[in-house]
PDB file of all heavy atoms in Angstrom:
ATOM      1  N   HIS A   1      -3.808  45.764 -36.507  1.00  0.00           N
ATOM      2  CA  HIS A   1      -3.677  47.027 -35.795  1.00  0.00           C
ATOM      3  C   HIS A   1      -3.133  48.204 -36.776  1.00  0.00           C
ATOM      4  O   HIS A   1      -3.425  49.342 -36.530  1.00  0.00           O
ATOM      5  CB  HIS A   1      -2.639  46.939 -34.664  1.00  0.00           C
ATOM      6  CG  HIS A   1      -3.143  46.059 -33.573  1.00  0.00           C
ATOM      7  ND1 HIS A   1      -4.339  46.347 -32.813  1.00  0.00           N
ATOM      8  CD2 HIS A   1      -2.652  44.928 -33.025  1.00  0.00           C
ATOM      9  CE1 HIS A   1      -4.397  45.401 -31.922  1.00  0.00           C
ATOM     10  NE2 HIS A   1      -3.502  44.620 -32.035  1.00  0.00           N
ATOM     11  N   PHE A   2      -2.361  47.801 -37.685  1.00  0.00           N
ATOM     12  CA  PHE A   2      -1.821  48.844 -38.703  1.00  0.00           C
ATOM     13  C   PHE A   2      -3.030  49.608 -39.256  1.00  0.00           C
ATOM     14  O   PHE A   2      -3.942  49.013 -39.825  1.00  0.00           O
ATOM     15  CB  PHE A   2      -0.944  48.270 -39.759  1.00  0.00           C
ATOM     16  CG  PHE A   2       0.275  47.559 -39.267  1.00  0.00           C
ATOM     17  CD1 PHE A   2       0.628  46.283 -39.664  1.00  0.00           C
ATOM     18  CD2 PHE A   2       1.113  48.243 -38.329  1.00  0.00           C
ATOM     19  CE1 PHE A   2       1.821  45.621 -39.209  1.00  0.00           C
ATOM     20  CE2 PHE A   2       2.289  47.608 -37.965  1.00  0.00           C
ATOM     21  CZ  PHE A   2       2.569  46.407 -38.279  1.00  0.00           C
ATOM     22  N   PRO A   3      -2.962  50.911 -39.176  1.00  0.00           N
ATOM     23  CA  PRO A   3      -4.167  51.727 -39.734  1.00  0.00           C
ATOM     24  C   PRO A   3      -4.496  51.418 -41.155  1.00  0.00           C
ATOM     25  O   PRO A   3      -5.686  51.323 -41.479  1.00  0.00           O
ATOM     26  CB  PRO A   3      -3.696  53.215 -39.490  1.00  0.00           C
ATOM     27  CG  PRO A   3      -2.626  53.097 -38.395  1.00  0.00           C
ATOM     28  CD  PRO A   3      -1.979  51.774 -38.544  1.00  0.00           C
ATOM     29  N   THR A   4      -3.536  51.191 -41.986  1.00  0.00           N
ATOM     30  CA  THR A   4      -3.789  50.948 -43.390  1.00  0.00           C
ATOM     31  C   THR A   4      -4.540  49.686 -43.535  1.00  0.00           C
ATOM     32  O   THR A   4      -5.494  49.577 -44.361  1.00  0.00           O
ATOM     33  CB  THR A   4      -2.541  51.008 -44.275  1.00  0.00           C
ATOM     34  OG1 THR A   4      -1.616  50.080 -43.672  1.00  0.00           O
ATOM     35  CG2 THR A   4      -1.941  52.383 -44.378  1.00  0.00           C
ATOM     36  N   LEU A   5      -4.133  48.670 -42.865  1.00  0.00           N
ATOM     37  CA  LEU A   5      -4.785  47.403 -42.873  1.00  0.00           C
ATOM     38  C   LEU A   5      -6.150  47.375 -42.293  1.00  0.00           C
ATOM     39  O   LEU A   5      -7.156  46.808 -42.773  1.00  0.00           O
ATOM     40  CB  LEU A   5      -3.889  46.320 -42.199  1.00  0.00           C
ATOM     41  CG  LEU A   5      -2.476  46.034 -42.863  1.00  0.00           C
ATOM     42  CD1 LEU A   5      -1.836  44.927 -42.029  1.00  0.00           C
ATOM     43  CD2 LEU A   5      -2.674  45.612 -44.282  1.00  0.00           C
ATOM     44  N   ARG A   6      -6.246  48.105 -41.193  1.00  0.00           N
ATOM     45  CA  ARG A   6      -7.453  48.196 -40.502  1.00  0.00           C
ATOM     46  C   ARG A   6      -8.574  48.933 -41.319  1.00  0.00           C
ATOM     47  O   ARG A   6      -9.703  48.411 -41.407  1.00  0.00           O
ATOM     48  CB  ARG A   6      -7.254  48.917 -39.062  1.00  0.00           C
ATOM     49  CG  ARG A   6      -8.507  48.774 -38.230  1.00  0.00           C
ATOM     50  CD  ARG A   6      -8.126  49.255 -36.721  1.00  0.00           C
ATOM     51  NE  ARG A   6      -7.976  50.803 -36.807  1.00  0.00           N
ATOM     52  CZ  ARG A   6      -6.906  51.452 -36.423  1.00  0.00           C
ATOM     53  NH1 ARG A   6      -5.855  50.710 -36.135  1.00  0.00           N
ATOM     54  NH2 ARG A   6      -6.901  52.746 -36.483  1.00  0.00           N
ATOM     55  N   HIS A   7      -8.150  49.991 -41.860  1.00  0.00           N
ATOM     56  CA  HIS A   7      -9.235  50.876 -42.580  1.00  0.00           C
ATOM     57  C   HIS A   7      -9.569  50.209 -43.946  1.00  0.00           C
ATOM     58  O   HIS A   7     -10.647  50.539 -44.486  1.00  0.00           O
ATOM     59  CB  HIS A   7      -8.702  52.271 -42.692  1.00  0.00           C
ATOM     60  CG  HIS A   7      -8.543  52.961 -41.434  1.00  0.00           C
ATOM     61  ND1 HIS A   7      -9.589  53.117 -40.494  1.00  0.00           N
ATOM     62  CD2 HIS A   7      -7.576  53.708 -40.886  1.00  0.00           C
ATOM     63  CE1 HIS A   7      -9.243  53.824 -39.461  1.00  0.00           C
ATOM     64  NE2 HIS A   7      -7.977  54.191 -39.688  1.00  0.00           N
ATOM     65  N   HIS A   8      -8.731  49.231 -44.372  1.00  0.00           N
ATOM     66  CA  HIS A   8      -9.135  48.598 -45.598  1.00  0.00           C
ATOM     67  C   HIS A   8      -9.921  47.326 -45.269  1.00  0.00           C
ATOM     68  O   HIS A   8     -10.368  46.610 -46.232  1.00  0.00           O
ATOM     69  CB  HIS A   8      -7.864  48.178 -46.447  1.00  0.00           C
ATOM     70  CG  HIS A   8      -7.340  49.349 -47.341  1.00  0.00           C
ATOM     71  ND1 HIS A   8      -6.383  50.147 -46.719  1.00  0.00           N
ATOM     72  CD2 HIS A   8      -7.606  49.756 -48.531  1.00  0.00           C
ATOM     73  CE1 HIS A   8      -6.083  51.137 -47.640  1.00  0.00           C
ATOM     74  NE2 HIS A   8      -6.770  50.766 -48.666  1.00  0.00           N
ATOM     75  N   GLY A   9     -10.193  47.093 -44.057  1.00  0.00           N
ATOM     76  CA  GLY A   9     -11.036  45.966 -43.640  1.00  0.00           C
ATOM     77  C   GLY A   9     -10.389  44.543 -43.810  1.00  0.00           C
ATOM     78  O   GLY A   9     -11.111  43.606 -43.848  1.00  0.00           O
ATOM     79  N   LEU A  10      -9.061  44.541 -43.860  1.00  0.00           N
ATOM     80  CA  LEU A  10      -8.358  43.286 -43.901  1.00  0.00           C
ATOM     81  C   LEU A  10      -8.557  42.400 -42.754  1.00  0.00           C
ATOM     82  O   LEU A  10      -8.502  42.865 -41.566  1.00  0.00           O
ATOM     83  CB  LEU A  10      -6.839  43.447 -44.218  1.00  0.00           C
ATOM     84  CG  LEU A  10      -6.068  42.228 -44.566  1.00  0.00           C
ATOM     85  CD1 LEU A  10      -6.521  41.710 -45.847  1.00  0.00           C
ATOM     86  CD2 LEU A  10      -4.643  42.594 -44.595  1.00  0.00           C
ATOM     87  N   HIS A  11      -8.987  41.216 -42.868  1.00  0.00           N
ATOM     88  CA  HIS A  11      -9.214  40.288 -41.764  1.00  0.00           C
ATOM     89  C   HIS A  11      -9.175  38.876 -42.128  1.00  0.00           C
ATOM     90  O   HIS A  11      -9.205  38.591 -43.361  1.00  0.00           O
ATOM     91  CB  HIS A  11     -10.641  40.624 -41.041  1.00  0.00           C
ATOM     92  CG  HIS A  11     -11.808  40.453 -42.036  1.00  0.00           C
ATOM     93  ND1 HIS A  11     -12.077  41.170 -43.121  1.00  0.00           N
ATOM     94  CD2 HIS A  11     -12.680  39.419 -42.098  1.00  0.00           C
ATOM     95  CE1 HIS A  11     -13.103  40.683 -43.696  1.00  0.00           C
ATOM     96  NE2 HIS A  11     -13.596  39.608 -43.186  1.00  0.00           N
ATOM     97  N   SER A  12      -9.193  38.037 -41.205  1.00  0.00           N
ATOM     98  CA  SER A  12      -9.296  36.542 -41.477  1.00  0.00           C
ATOM     99  C   SER A  12     -10.245  35.861 -40.521  1.00  0.00           C
ATOM    100  O   SER A  12     -10.464  36.341 -39.429  1.00  0.00           O
ATOM    101  CB  SER A  12      -7.899  35.918 -41.392  1.00  0.00           C
ATOM    102  OG  SER A  12      -7.030  36.510 -42.244  1.00  0.00           O
ATOM    103  N   TRP A  13     -10.745  34.763 -40.900  1.00  0.00           N
ATOM    104  CA  TRP A  13     -11.639  33.829 -39.972  1.00  0.00           C
ATOM    105  C   TRP A  13     -10.869  32.577 -39.739  1.00  0.00           C
ATOM    106  O   TRP A  13     -10.340  31.891 -40.603  1.00  0.00           O
ATOM    107  CB  TRP A  13     -12.968  33.550 -40.660  1.00  0.00           C
ATOM    108  CG  TRP A  13     -13.778  34.820 -40.853  1.00  0.00           C
ATOM    109  CD1 TRP A  13     -13.885  35.692 -41.856  1.00  0.00           C
ATOM    110  CD2 TRP A  13     -14.745  35.279 -39.843  1.00  0.00           C
ATOM    111  NE1 TRP A  13     -14.794  36.629 -41.679  1.00  0.00           N
ATOM    112  CE2 TRP A  13     -15.391  36.404 -40.485  1.00  0.00           C
ATOM    113  CE3 TRP A  13     -15.251  34.838 -38.673  1.00  0.00           C
ATOM    114  CZ2 TRP A  13     -16.406  37.168 -39.825  1.00  0.00           C
ATOM    115  CZ3 TRP A  13     -16.141  35.529 -37.999  1.00  0.00           C
ATOM    116  CH2 TRP A  13     -16.767  36.700 -38.542  1.00  0.00           C
ATOM    117  N   TYR A  14     -10.870  32.231 -38.407  1.00  0.00           N
ATOM    118  CA  TYR A  14     -10.198  30.991 -38.051  1.00  0.00           C
ATOM    119  C   TYR A  14     -11.261  30.023 -37.345  1.00  0.00           C
ATOM    120  O   TYR A  14     -12.153  30.538 -36.634  1.00  0.00           O
ATOM    121  CB  TYR A  14      -9.101  31.218 -36.996  1.00  0.00           C
ATOM    122  CG  TYR A  14      -7.798  31.715 -37.610  1.00  0.00           C
ATOM    123  CD1 TYR A  14      -7.639  33.093 -38.128  1.00  0.00           C
ATOM    124  CD2 TYR A  14      -6.719  30.891 -37.818  1.00  0.00           C
ATOM    125  CE1 TYR A  14      -6.452  33.457 -38.611  1.00  0.00           C
ATOM    126  CE2 TYR A  14      -5.502  31.267 -38.346  1.00  0.00           C
ATOM    127  CZ  TYR A  14      -5.444  32.614 -38.758  1.00  0.00           C
ATOM    128  OH  TYR A  14      -4.213  33.015 -39.323  1.00  0.00           O
ATOM    129  N   ALA A  15     -11.086  28.729 -37.635  1.00  0.00           N
ATOM    130  CA  ALA A  15     -11.837  27.733 -36.853  1.00  0.00           C
ATOM    131  C   ALA A  15     -10.907  27.067 -35.946  1.00  0.00           C
ATOM    132  O   ALA A  15      -9.948  26.515 -36.398  1.00  0.00           O
ATOM    133  CB  ALA A  15     -12.520  26.743 -37.883  1.00  0.00           C
ATOM    134  N   GLU A  16     -11.016  27.308 -34.668  1.00  0.00           N
ATOM    135  CA  GLU A  16     -10.025  26.927 -33.624  1.00  0.00           C
ATOM    136  C   GLU A  16     -10.647  26.023 -32.578  1.00  0.00           C
ATOM    137  O   GLU A  16     -11.816  25.946 -32.482  1.00  0.00           O
ATOM    138  CB  GLU A  16      -9.509  28.187 -32.975  1.00  0.00           C
ATOM    139  CG  GLU A  16      -8.402  28.034 -32.048  1.00  0.00           C
ATOM    140  CD  GLU A  16      -7.164  27.447 -32.702  1.00  0.00           C
ATOM    141  OE1 GLU A  16      -6.230  28.205 -33.277  1.00  0.00           O
ATOM    142  OE2 GLU A  16      -7.016  26.221 -32.618  1.00  0.00           O
ATOM    143  N   ASN A  17      -9.810  25.302 -31.926  1.00  0.00           N
ATOM    144  CA  ASN A  17     -10.144  24.450 -30.775  1.00  0.00           C
ATOM    145  C   ASN A  17     -10.791  25.382 -29.797  1.00  0.00           C
ATOM    146  O   ASN A  17     -10.291  26.361 -29.335  1.00  0.00           O
ATOM    147  CB  ASN A  17      -8.917  23.793 -30.204  1.00  0.00           C
ATOM    148  CG  ASN A  17      -9.317  22.805 -29.201  1.00  0.00           C
ATOM    149  OD1 ASN A  17     -10.227  22.933 -28.276  1.00  0.00           O
ATOM    150  ND2 ASN A  17      -8.626  21.676 -29.107  1.00  0.00           N
ATOM    151  N   CYS A  18     -12.059  24.955 -29.338  1.00  0.00           N
ATOM    152  CA  CYS A  18     -12.759  25.872 -28.445  1.00  0.00           C
ATOM    153  C   CYS A  18     -12.267  26.036 -27.079  1.00  0.00           C
ATOM    154  O   CYS A  18     -12.690  26.946 -26.327  1.00  0.00           O
ATOM    155  CB  CYS A  18     -14.340  25.272 -28.383  1.00  0.00           C
ATOM    156  SG  CYS A  18     -15.175  25.170 -29.926  1.00  0.00           S
ATOM    157  N   TYR A  19     -11.346  25.132 -26.724  1.00  0.00           N
ATOM    158  CA  TYR A  19     -10.748  25.237 -25.326  1.00  0.00           C
ATOM    159  C   TYR A  19      -9.427  25.978 -25.331  1.00  0.00           C
ATOM    160  O   TYR A  19      -8.825  26.123 -24.293  1.00  0.00           O
ATOM    161  CB  TYR A  19     -10.499  23.655 -24.789  1.00  0.00           C
ATOM    162  CG  TYR A  19     -11.816  23.101 -24.576  1.00  0.00           C
ATOM    163  CD1 TYR A  19     -12.409  22.292 -25.524  1.00  0.00           C
ATOM    164  CD2 TYR A  19     -12.468  23.256 -23.282  1.00  0.00           C
ATOM    165  CE1 TYR A  19     -13.671  21.651 -25.142  1.00  0.00           C
ATOM    166  CE2 TYR A  19     -13.777  22.712 -23.108  1.00  0.00           C
ATOM    167  CZ  TYR A  19     -14.358  21.932 -23.985  1.00  0.00           C
ATOM    168  OH  TYR A  19     -15.546  21.334 -23.677  1.00  0.00           O
ATOM    169  N   GLU A  20      -8.911  26.477 -26.501  1.00  0.00           N
ATOM    170  CA  GLU A  20      -7.844  27.452 -26.535  1.00  0.00           C
ATOM    171  C   GLU A  20      -8.281  28.775 -25.788  1.00  0.00           C
ATOM    172  O   GLU A  20      -9.470  29.098 -25.965  1.00  0.00           O
ATOM    173  CB  GLU A  20      -7.383  27.692 -28.002  1.00  0.00           C
ATOM    174  CG  GLU A  20      -6.597  26.591 -28.585  1.00  0.00           C
ATOM    175  CD  GLU A  20      -5.304  26.308 -28.004  1.00  0.00           C
ATOM    176  OE1 GLU A  20      -4.488  27.195 -27.990  1.00  0.00           O
ATOM    177  OE2 GLU A  20      -5.110  25.151 -27.446  1.00  0.00           O
ATOM    178  N   LYS A  21      -7.409  29.397 -25.237  1.00  0.00           N
ATOM    179  CA  LYS A  21      -7.680  30.721 -24.607  1.00  0.00           C
ATOM    180  C   LYS A  21      -7.415  31.876 -25.544  1.00  0.00           C
ATOM    181  O   LYS A  21      -6.385  31.914 -26.243  1.00  0.00           O
ATOM    182  CB  LYS A  21      -6.840  30.873 -23.281  1.00  0.00           C
ATOM    183  CG  LYS A  21      -7.263  29.975 -22.225  1.00  0.00           C
ATOM    184  CD  LYS A  21      -6.542  30.234 -20.866  1.00  0.00           C
ATOM    185  CE  LYS A  21      -7.079  29.404 -19.763  1.00  0.00           C
ATOM    186  NZ  LYS A  21      -6.417  29.757 -18.444  1.00  0.00           N
ATOM    187  N   SER A  22      -8.356  32.807 -25.582  1.00  0.00           N
ATOM    188  CA  SER A  22      -8.242  33.962 -26.515  1.00  0.00           C
ATOM    189  C   SER A  22      -8.984  35.034 -25.991  1.00  0.00           C
ATOM    190  O   SER A  22      -9.894  34.970 -25.031  1.00  0.00           O
ATOM    191  CB  SER A  22      -8.882  33.527 -27.797  1.00  0.00           C
ATOM    192  OG  SER A  22      -8.826  34.594 -28.718  1.00  0.00           O
ATOM    193  N   SER A  23      -8.695  36.367 -26.443  1.00  0.00           N
ATOM    194  CA  SER A  23      -9.573  37.461 -26.211  1.00  0.00           C
ATOM    195  C   SER A  23     -10.870  37.199 -26.873  1.00  0.00           C
ATOM    196  O   SER A  23     -10.995  36.321 -27.731  1.00  0.00           O
ATOM    197  CB  SER A  23      -8.978  38.663 -26.812  1.00  0.00           C
ATOM    198  OG  SER A  23      -7.674  38.965 -26.248  1.00  0.00           O
ATOM    199  N   PHE A  24     -11.946  37.974 -26.515  1.00  0.00           N
ATOM    200  CA  PHE A  24     -13.164  37.719 -27.161  1.00  0.00           C
ATOM    201  C   PHE A  24     -14.014  39.038 -27.259  1.00  0.00           C
ATOM    202  O   PHE A  24     -13.751  39.970 -26.568  1.00  0.00           O
ATOM    203  CB  PHE A  24     -14.029  36.665 -26.445  1.00  0.00           C
ATOM    204  CG  PHE A  24     -14.084  36.940 -24.891  1.00  0.00           C
ATOM    205  CD1 PHE A  24     -15.265  37.580 -24.319  1.00  0.00           C
ATOM    206  CD2 PHE A  24     -13.006  36.649 -24.053  1.00  0.00           C
ATOM    207  CE1 PHE A  24     -15.427  37.772 -22.941  1.00  0.00           C
ATOM    208  CE2 PHE A  24     -13.161  36.828 -22.671  1.00  0.00           C
ATOM    209  CZ  PHE A  24     -14.253  37.418 -22.111  1.00  0.00           C
ATOM    210  N   LEU A  25     -14.897  38.938 -28.240  1.00  0.00           N
ATOM    211  CA  LEU A  25     -15.784  40.240 -28.516  1.00  0.00           C
ATOM    212  C   LEU A  25     -17.267  39.940 -28.007  1.00  0.00           C
ATOM    213  O   LEU A  25     -17.913  39.154 -28.516  1.00  0.00           O
ATOM    214  CB  LEU A  25     -15.723  40.470 -30.061  1.00  0.00           C
ATOM    215  CG  LEU A  25     -16.622  41.616 -30.480  1.00  0.00           C
ATOM    216  CD1 LEU A  25     -16.112  42.954 -29.859  1.00  0.00           C
ATOM    217  CD2 LEU A  25     -16.634  41.673 -32.081  1.00  0.00           C
ATOM    218  N   CYS A  26     -17.644  40.820 -27.092  1.00  0.00           N
ATOM    219  CA  CYS A  26     -19.046  40.797 -26.665  1.00  0.00           C
ATOM    220  C   CYS A  26     -19.884  41.851 -27.351  1.00  0.00           C
ATOM    221  O   CYS A  26     -19.353  42.914 -27.732  1.00  0.00           O
ATOM    222  CB  CYS A  26     -19.168  41.050 -25.088  1.00  0.00           C
ATOM    223  SG  CYS A  26     -18.412  39.680 -24.171  1.00  0.00           S
TER     224      CYS A  26
END
């Protein structure tokens, strides 16, 4: 959420248990 991190494109990829609950992107 921090603007400096967001605008620099900082991100990570996780491989998670598919039955965990999470927000999602359609």
